[in-house]
Amino acid sequence: MIRIRAEVWESRAVISERYLISPWCLRVTAGTQFPRSASAPGDGTLVPPRADGGGKAVGRMRQRSGATGGPTSPPPPRVTVVGSLNTDVSLAVPHLPGPGETVLSAASAVVGGGGKGANQAVAAARLGAVVRMVGCCGDDEFGARLRSGLAAEGIDASGVRVVAGAASGVALITVDAVGENTIAVAAGANGLAGPDEVTAAFVAPCEALVASAEIPAGVLAGVLGRAREAGVTCVLNLAPAPPGAAGLLAGGVDWLVVNEQEAAAVLGRPVTGPEGAPAAALALAEMAGGHAVITLGAAGAVLARPPRAAGALDAPAAVPVPGFRVASVDSVGAGDAFVAALAVALAAGVEPADAVRAACAAGAAATTRRGAQAALPRPADVLAATGEPWPVAGP
């Protein structure tokens, strides 16, 4: 027997060349043993890995770790985000304007990258995932800046389609003195997303796929269907909840994330804060056939398990997840940080309740700074703001 002591992740080509075997997918881990080749006894040649069932080699390929004496960090989770890209124009105001009211801002407008999809992509990248962004932008200066902003965060933007003659999306945001906000969005090129984006979402493999609702509902339906066929964990963020949102859940959704207002729109009835959220989350989980999360701002969130798991004796069907007390100044990016953090944690194998707690911590940390993408946290920011360690190892 040949004993491999170190954990090694190598390309098929390197393994084929080094050990003179066919380039099957091969994972060699600490303590793995291989018999010597029967065709050349005693020559030290390794035999190919044992096939599992239908001929697939056990394990999958990753980059070489370089370690020589023990286990290495797992590879970073891969997350694909399908959603919107906007340019945000944000104003800080003393209070949110009412109908017909003009409110003057004492500060200059802040212009930066945004859109729920792009925000979620940036947040996922900062929290340790390898991220692909799929969506649409215009062939204008705003679009060019949006793409370069994603690239600066290390995000693969090859799935962002530039639509000739279209304007990029724009969001007008007002934020009051306590961090509450109102947002109005001109969809622009986001509204032209279609079958090309559904296809682009599955060009590369991922452990989790995020779809958010600032793009046409038909694209969301297509992505959900393909994800079910491919067995990819999908996190659907119905923000905002489009007309007929309940129909998107009919085929099944792994994870649904909504706030109180969006939950009410999907259910067709009011959802009244932490008291009404557990029953509403259970109803949503029943509709979706998967996990449902209702976010409650500073109060945290409620997690409802899939109907098939709701009867487990050791786990209640709806679990309240408390929020974190932080000095909030701007809540614009909090929901997107929550969704991204949840996807990254799930993609890394974190258990559902712990993943939602981590998402609450990331969402809370995002409220401690102004702006959307500018405020999206990294693991150190989450720890500093909430005292909660981020559960996913960095790249």
Protein backbone atom coordinates (compact mmCIF):
# COMPACT_ATOMS: atom_id res chain seq x y z
CA MET A 1 0.00 0.00 0.00
CA ILE A 2 1.06 3.60 -0.63
CA ARG A 3 -0.03 6.01 2.10
CA ILE A 4 -0.55 9.67 1.19
CA ARG A 5 -0.07 11.65 4.39
CA ALA A 6 -0.65 15.21 3.23
CA GLU A 7 -3.94 16.58 1.90
CA VAL A 8 -3.44 17.35 -1.77
CA TRP A 9 -5.85 18.83 -4.31
CA GLU A 10 -4.42 18.71 -7.80
CA SER A 11 -5.56 19.05 -11.37
CA ARG A 12 -6.34 15.94 -13.34
CA ALA A 13 -3.46 16.68 -15.68
CA VAL A 14 -0.92 16.86 -12.85
CA ILE A 15 -2.20 13.64 -11.26
CA SER A 16 -2.14 11.90 -14.65
CA GLU A 17 1.43 12.99 -15.32
CA ARG A 18 2.77 12.37 -11.83
CA TYR A 19 1.19 9.01 -11.10
CA LEU A 20 0.86 7.68 -14.66
CA ILE A 21 -2.88 7.10 -14.44
CA SER A 22 -5.79 8.22 -16.56
CA PRO A 23 -7.01 11.71 -15.65
CA TRP A 24 -10.07 10.74 -13.62
CA CYS A 25 -11.36 13.26 -11.08
CA LEU A 26 -9.42 12.34 -7.94
CA ARG A 27 -9.34 13.65 -4.42
CA VAL A 28 -6.43 12.59 -2.23
CA THR A 29 -6.92 13.35 1.44
CA ALA A 30 -4.96 12.80 4.63
CA GLY A 31 -4.59 9.11 5.32
CA THR A 32 -5.89 7.98 1.90
CA GLN A 33 -4.45 4.65 0.82
CA PHE A 34 -4.17 3.25 -2.68
CA PRO A 35 -3.19 -0.28 -3.73
CA ARG A 36 -0.27 -0.65 -6.10
CA SER A 37 -1.07 -1.34 -9.70
CA ALA A 38 -1.73 -5.02 -10.39
CA SER A 39 -0.14 -4.62 -13.81
CA ALA A 40 3.14 -3.40 -12.38
CA PRO A 41 3.48 -4.78 -8.86
CA GLY A 42 5.97 -2.96 -6.71
CA ASP A 43 6.49 -0.07 -9.11
CA GLY A 44 4.66 2.49 -7.01
CA THR A 45 2.05 3.26 -9.70
CA LEU A 46 -1.35 4.24 -8.32
CA VAL A 47 -4.52 2.69 -9.68
CA PRO A 48 -7.43 4.92 -10.76
CA PRO A 49 -9.95 5.94 -8.09
CA ARG A 50 -12.90 3.65 -7.46
CA ALA A 51 -16.01 4.65 -9.36
CA ASP A 52 -19.16 5.34 -7.37
CA GLY A 53 -22.27 3.73 -8.77
CA GLY A 54 -22.73 4.88 -12.35
CA GLY A 55 -19.05 5.37 -13.02
CA LYS A 56 -18.42 8.79 -11.45
CA ALA A 57 -15.14 8.96 -9.63
CA VAL A 58 -15.48 9.64 -5.92
CA GLY A 59 -14.65 13.21 -4.95
CA ARG A 60 -14.20 16.40 -7.00
CA MET A 61 -11.29 18.49 -8.05
CA ARG A 62 -10.02 21.62 -6.31
CA GLN A 63 -6.85 23.61 -6.47
CA ARG A 64 -3.73 22.29 -4.79
CA SER A 65 -3.46 23.50 -1.21
CA GLY A 66 0.28 23.36 -0.85
CA ALA A 67 -0.04 21.91 2.68
CA THR A 68 2.18 19.06 3.68
CA GLY A 69 1.13 18.09 7.17
CA GLY A 70 -2.58 18.42 7.81
CA PRO A 71 -6.03 19.42 6.63
CA THR A 72 -6.45 22.59 4.62
CA SER A 73 -9.21 25.18 4.42
CA PRO A 74 -12.17 24.14 2.27
CA PRO A 75 -12.52 25.82 -1.11
CA PRO A 76 -14.64 28.99 -1.07
CA PRO A 77 -18.35 28.52 -1.81
CA ARG A 78 -19.55 29.48 -5.28
CA VAL A 79 -22.59 31.75 -5.57
CA THR A 80 -24.36 32.96 -8.71
CA VAL A 81 -26.59 36.04 -8.43
CA VAL A 82 -29.31 36.79 -10.98
CA GLY A 83 -30.78 40.24 -10.53
CA SER A 84 -30.64 43.97 -11.11
CA LEU A 85 -27.83 46.47 -11.48
CA ASN A 86 -28.64 50.11 -10.72
CA THR A 87 -26.91 53.38 -10.10
CA ASP A 88 -28.08 54.68 -6.72
CA VAL A 89 -28.62 58.40 -6.14
CA SER A 90 -28.98 58.78 -2.38
CA LEU A 91 -30.02 61.78 -0.27
CA ALA A 92 -29.81 62.11 3.51
CA VAL A 93 -32.88 64.03 4.74
CA PRO A 94 -34.15 65.06 8.19
CA HIS A 95 -37.35 63.08 7.61
CA LEU A 96 -38.91 61.15 4.77
CA PRO A 97 -41.13 63.36 2.60
CA GLY A 98 -44.88 62.86 2.65
CA PRO A 99 -47.13 63.17 -0.42
CA GLY A 100 -46.56 66.56 -2.06
CA GLU A 101 -43.82 67.51 0.41
CA THR A 102 -40.38 68.79 -0.53
CA VAL A 103 -37.61 68.06 1.96
CA LEU A 104 -34.21 69.70 1.65
CA SER A 105 -31.03 67.74 2.24
CA ALA A 106 -28.18 69.42 4.03
CA ALA A 107 -25.66 67.16 2.31
CA SER A 108 -24.72 66.50 -1.28
CA ALA A 109 -26.23 63.60 -3.18
CA VAL A 110 -24.20 60.38 -3.13
CA VAL A 111 -23.98 58.45 -6.41
CA GLY A 112 -22.79 54.85 -6.40
CA GLY A 113 -23.36 51.30 -7.54
CA GLY A 114 -26.52 49.52 -6.45
CA GLY A 115 -29.43 47.35 -7.50
CA LYS A 116 -30.49 44.39 -5.41
CA GLY A 117 -28.67 41.88 -7.59
CA ALA A 118 -25.39 43.79 -7.72
CA ASN A 119 -25.57 44.56 -3.99
CA GLN A 120 -26.07 40.88 -3.21
CA ALA A 121 -23.18 39.93 -5.47
CA VAL A 122 -20.84 42.42 -3.79
CA ALA A 123 -21.93 41.34 -0.32
CA ALA A 124 -21.41 37.65 -1.16
CA ALA A 125 -17.93 38.36 -2.52
CA ARG A 126 -16.93 40.34 0.55
CA LEU A 127 -18.15 37.50 2.78
CA GLY A 128 -15.89 34.97 1.11
CA ALA A 129 -17.72 33.52 -1.90
CA VAL A 130 -16.61 33.17 -5.50
CA VAL A 131 -19.36 35.12 -7.25
CA ARG A 132 -20.84 35.36 -10.75
CA MET A 133 -23.28 38.17 -11.58
CA VAL A 134 -25.99 37.73 -14.21
CA GLY A 135 -28.15 40.63 -15.36
CA CYS A 136 -28.45 43.54 -17.78
CA CYS A 137 -27.19 47.09 -18.01
CA GLY A 138 -27.28 49.81 -20.64
CA ASP A 139 -24.53 50.81 -23.04
CA ASP A 140 -24.06 54.07 -21.16
CA GLU A 141 -21.57 55.49 -18.69
CA PHE A 142 -23.60 54.20 -15.75
CA GLY A 143 -23.43 50.67 -17.17
CA ALA A 144 -19.67 50.86 -17.67
CA ARG A 145 -19.20 52.01 -14.09
CA LEU A 146 -21.42 49.24 -12.77
CA ARG A 147 -19.41 46.57 -14.58
CA SER A 148 -16.08 48.00 -13.48
CA GLY A 149 -17.35 48.18 -9.91
CA LEU A 150 -18.17 44.47 -9.94
CA ALA A 151 -14.77 43.64 -11.40
CA ALA A 152 -13.08 45.67 -8.66
CA GLU A 153 -14.76 43.37 -6.10
CA GLY A 154 -13.43 40.28 -7.86
CA ILE A 155 -16.83 39.34 -9.27
CA ASP A 156 -17.19 37.55 -12.59
CA ALA A 157 -19.37 39.94 -14.61
CA SER A 158 -19.26 37.97 -17.86
CA GLY A 159 -22.95 37.20 -17.35
CA VAL A 160 -23.91 40.89 -17.40
CA ARG A 161 -25.38 41.64 -20.82
CA VAL A 162 -24.96 45.14 -22.25
CA VAL A 163 -28.21 46.11 -23.99
CA ALA A 164 -27.60 48.43 -26.93
CA GLY A 165 -29.67 51.60 -26.85
CA ALA A 166 -30.98 51.00 -23.31
CA ALA A 167 -30.40 53.12 -20.23
CA SER A 168 -29.02 51.47 -17.13
CA GLY A 169 -31.27 51.21 -14.09
CA VAL A 170 -31.37 54.09 -11.61
CA ALA A 171 -32.65 54.18 -8.02
CA LEU A 172 -33.55 57.38 -6.14
CA ILE A 173 -33.12 56.88 -2.39
CA THR A 174 -33.95 59.09 0.57
CA VAL A 175 -32.66 58.19 4.04
CA ASP A 176 -33.89 59.88 7.21
CA ALA A 177 -32.09 60.66 10.45
CA VAL A 178 -32.79 57.24 12.00
CA GLY A 179 -31.79 55.22 8.93
CA GLU A 180 -35.22 54.50 7.46
CA ASN A 181 -35.53 54.91 3.70
CA THR A 182 -37.75 55.15 0.69
CA ILE A 183 -36.66 53.99 -2.77
CA ALA A 184 -38.01 54.61 -6.27
CA VAL A 185 -36.48 52.65 -9.16
CA ALA A 186 -36.35 53.17 -12.92
CA ALA A 187 -35.69 49.64 -14.17
CA GLY A 188 -34.06 50.58 -17.47
CA ALA A 189 -32.11 47.65 -18.91
CA ASN A 190 -33.06 45.46 -15.94
CA GLY A 191 -36.54 45.21 -17.40
CA LEU A 192 -35.12 43.71 -20.59
CA ALA A 193 -33.67 40.62 -18.92
CA GLY A 194 -34.99 37.44 -20.53
CA PRO A 195 -34.10 33.92 -21.67
CA ASP A 196 -30.45 34.86 -22.23
CA GLU A 197 -30.10 35.56 -18.52
CA VAL A 198 -31.75 32.26 -17.58
CA THR A 199 -29.18 30.46 -19.73
CA ALA A 200 -26.29 32.55 -18.41
CA ALA A 201 -27.19 31.69 -14.83
CA PHE A 202 -26.20 28.07 -15.42
CA VAL A 203 -23.07 28.47 -17.51
CA ALA A 204 -20.85 27.74 -14.50
CA PRO A 205 -21.49 25.53 -11.46
CA CYS A 206 -22.36 26.95 -8.05
CA GLU A 207 -23.43 25.76 -4.62
CA ALA A 208 -26.13 28.43 -4.27
CA LEU A 209 -28.02 30.65 -6.68
CA VAL A 210 -29.69 33.91 -5.63
CA ALA A 211 -32.57 35.42 -7.61
CA SER A 212 -34.08 38.77 -6.67
CA ALA A 213 -37.17 40.47 -7.99
CA GLU A 214 -36.08 43.74 -9.63
CA ILE A 215 -36.09 41.84 -12.93
CA PRO A 216 -39.04 40.39 -14.90
CA ALA A 217 -40.98 37.62 -13.16
CA GLY A 218 -40.57 35.41 -16.24
CA VAL A 219 -36.81 35.35 -15.69
CA LEU A 220 -37.31 34.39 -12.06
CA ALA A 221 -39.63 31.56 -13.08
CA GLY A 222 -37.12 30.31 -15.65
CA VAL A 223 -34.25 30.40 -13.17
CA LEU A 224 -36.27 28.58 -10.50
CA GLY A 225 -37.24 25.87 -12.96
CA ARG A 226 -33.70 25.32 -14.17
CA ALA A 227 -32.39 25.30 -10.59
CA ARG A 228 -34.86 22.58 -9.65
CA GLU A 229 -33.79 20.49 -12.64
CA ALA A 230 -30.12 20.97 -11.84
CA GLY A 231 -30.50 20.37 -8.10
CA VAL A 232 -28.96 23.76 -7.27
CA THR A 233 -29.98 25.38 -3.98
CA CYS A 234 -31.90 28.55 -4.86
CA VAL A 235 -32.53 31.56 -2.60
CA LEU A 236 -35.44 33.64 -3.93
CA ASN A 237 -35.71 37.19 -2.63
CA LEU A 238 -39.09 38.59 -3.62
CA ALA A 239 -38.12 42.20 -3.08
CA PRO A 240 -40.24 43.79 -4.29
CA ALA A 241 -42.97 41.14 -4.52
CA PRO A 242 -44.20 41.22 -8.14
CA PRO A 243 -47.85 40.73 -9.14
CA GLY A 244 -48.67 37.05 -9.05
CA ALA A 245 -45.74 36.35 -6.75
CA ALA A 246 -47.52 33.37 -5.23
CA GLY A 247 -47.41 31.65 -8.61
CA LEU A 248 -43.59 31.69 -8.55
CA LEU A 249 -43.69 29.46 -5.48
CA ALA A 250 -45.97 26.83 -6.97
CA GLY A 251 -43.17 24.69 -8.41
CA GLY A 252 -41.19 24.76 -5.19
CA VAL A 253 -38.46 27.05 -3.84
CA ASP A 254 -35.60 25.95 -1.58
CA TRP A 255 -35.37 29.25 0.29
CA LEU A 256 -37.75 32.22 0.18
CA VAL A 257 -36.69 35.49 1.83
CA VAL A 258 -39.13 38.39 2.25
CA ASN A 259 -39.78 41.22 4.69
CA GLU A 260 -43.13 41.85 6.37
CA GLN A 261 -44.57 43.93 3.54
CA GLU A 262 -43.46 41.45 0.88
CA ALA A 263 -44.82 38.53 2.92
CA ALA A 264 -48.17 40.31 3.12
CA ALA A 265 -48.18 40.85 -0.64
CA VAL A 266 -47.50 37.17 -1.33
CA LEU A 267 -50.05 35.93 1.21
CA GLY A 268 -52.70 38.54 0.43
CA ARG A 269 -53.15 39.46 4.10
CA PRO A 270 -51.37 41.69 6.64
CA VAL A 271 -48.36 40.44 8.57
CA THR A 272 -48.11 42.18 11.92
CA GLY A 273 -44.57 42.27 13.20
CA PRO A 274 -42.84 39.60 15.29
CA GLU A 275 -46.18 38.39 16.64
CA GLY A 276 -47.66 37.56 13.25
CA ALA A 277 -44.45 36.55 11.49
CA PRO A 278 -44.24 32.88 12.64
CA ALA A 279 -47.68 31.99 11.27
CA ALA A 280 -46.96 33.90 8.07
CA ALA A 281 -43.59 32.18 7.63
CA LEU A 282 -45.22 28.78 8.08
CA ALA A 283 -47.80 29.66 5.44
CA LEU A 284 -45.06 30.74 3.04
CA ALA A 285 -43.07 27.57 3.68
CA GLU A 286 -46.19 25.56 2.88
CA MET A 287 -46.65 27.47 -0.38
CA ALA A 288 -42.99 27.15 -1.39
CA GLY A 289 -42.38 23.64 -0.15
CA GLY A 290 -39.07 24.82 1.30
CA HIS A 291 -37.62 27.13 3.92
CA ALA A 292 -39.19 30.56 4.36
CA VAL A 293 -37.59 33.52 6.14
CA ILE A 294 -39.37 36.74 7.09
CA THR A 295 -36.92 39.49 8.02
CA LEU A 296 -37.98 41.86 10.80
CA GLY A 297 -35.32 44.57 10.71
CA ALA A 298 -33.77 45.18 14.12
CA ALA A 299 -35.95 42.42 15.59
CA GLY A 300 -34.15 39.76 13.54
CA ALA A 301 -36.03 37.18 11.49
CA VAL A 302 -38.29 34.14 11.63
CA LEU A 303 -37.30 30.88 9.96
CA ALA A 304 -39.93 28.32 8.94
CA ARG A 305 -38.76 24.88 7.94
CA PRO A 306 -40.10 22.95 4.96
CA PRO A 307 -43.41 21.16 5.59
CA ARG A 308 -41.70 17.77 5.46
CA ALA A 309 -39.48 18.80 8.38
CA ALA A 310 -42.07 20.66 10.41
CA GLY A 311 -43.15 17.56 12.32
CA ALA A 312 -39.70 16.82 13.71
CA LEU A 313 -40.02 16.31 17.47
CA ASP A 314 -36.74 18.04 18.32
CA ALA A 315 -37.26 21.16 16.20
CA PRO A 316 -40.14 23.65 16.19
CA ALA A 317 -41.61 24.46 12.81
CA ALA A 318 -40.99 28.22 13.09
CA VAL A 319 -37.86 29.53 14.78
CA PRO A 320 -37.41 33.17 15.84
CA VAL A 321 -33.86 34.38 15.24
CA PRO A 322 -33.10 37.48 17.33
CA GLY A 323 -31.51 40.55 15.84
CA PHE A 324 -28.39 42.42 16.94
CA ARG A 325 -28.31 45.76 18.72
CA VAL A 326 -26.15 48.13 16.65
CA ALA A 327 -25.85 51.87 16.04
CA SER A 328 -27.86 52.02 12.81
CA VAL A 329 -27.45 54.97 10.46
CA ASP A 330 -28.69 53.65 7.09
CA SER A 331 -30.70 50.51 6.34
CA VAL A 332 -30.56 50.69 2.52
CA GLY A 333 -28.26 47.70 2.03
CA ALA A 334 -29.34 45.62 5.03
CA GLY A 335 -31.76 43.35 3.20
CA ASP A 336 -29.28 42.62 0.42
CA ALA A 337 -26.53 41.89 2.96
CA PHE A 338 -28.91 39.48 4.70
CA VAL A 339 -29.78 37.59 1.51
CA ALA A 340 -26.17 37.37 0.35
CA ALA A 341 -24.94 36.23 3.75
CA LEU A 342 -27.61 33.55 3.90
CA ALA A 343 -26.64 32.24 0.44
CA VAL A 344 -22.92 32.18 1.26
CA ALA A 345 -23.51 30.38 4.56
CA LEU A 346 -25.80 27.80 2.95
CA ALA A 347 -23.36 27.27 0.08
CA ALA A 348 -20.64 26.59 2.66
CA GLY A 349 -22.78 23.96 4.42
CA VAL A 350 -23.84 25.98 7.48
CA GLU A 351 -27.00 24.62 9.12
CA PRO A 352 -30.24 26.58 8.40
CA ALA A 353 -30.79 28.24 11.79
CA ASP A 354 -27.11 29.17 12.08
CA ALA A 355 -27.11 30.49 8.52
CA VAL A 356 -30.07 32.76 9.31
CA ARG A 357 -28.33 34.02 12.46
CA ALA A 358 -25.21 34.81 10.43
CA ALA A 359 -27.41 36.62 7.90
CA CYS A 360 -28.99 38.68 10.69
CA ALA A 361 -25.52 39.68 11.86
CA ALA A 362 -24.44 40.70 8.35
CA GLY A 363 -27.65 42.68 7.82
CA ALA A 364 -27.19 44.49 11.12
CA ALA A 365 -23.56 45.31 10.32
CA ALA A 366 -24.63 46.84 6.99
CA THR A 367 -26.77 49.43 8.80
CA THR A 368 -23.82 50.90 10.68
CA ARG A 369 -22.48 52.79 7.65
CA ARG A 370 -24.12 54.93 5.00
CA GLY A 371 -24.71 53.82 1.44
CA ALA A 372 -25.69 50.58 -0.22
CA GLN A 373 -22.61 48.83 -1.60
CA ALA A 374 -20.29 51.05 0.41
CA ALA A 375 -21.82 49.70 3.63
CA LEU A 376 -21.82 46.00 2.76
CA PRO A 377 -19.70 44.25 5.39
CA ARG A 378 -16.72 41.94 5.38
CA PRO A 379 -16.29 39.29 8.10
CA ALA A 380 -14.27 41.66 10.29
CA ASP A 381 -17.03 44.27 10.01
CA VAL A 382 -19.66 41.73 11.08
CA LEU A 383 -17.61 40.78 14.12
CA ALA A 384 -16.87 44.38 15.06
CA ALA A 385 -20.50 45.51 14.78
CA THR A 386 -22.26 42.53 16.34
CA GLY A 387 -19.69 40.40 18.17
CA GLU A 388 -20.76 37.46 15.99
CA PRO A 389 -17.95 35.61 14.20
CA TRP A 390 -18.59 35.03 10.50
CA PRO A 391 -18.92 31.22 10.08
CA VAL A 392 -17.38 30.86 6.60
CA ALA A 393 -13.62 30.77 6.11
CA GLY A 394 -12.22 33.41 3.79
CA PRO A 395 -10.60 32.64 0.42
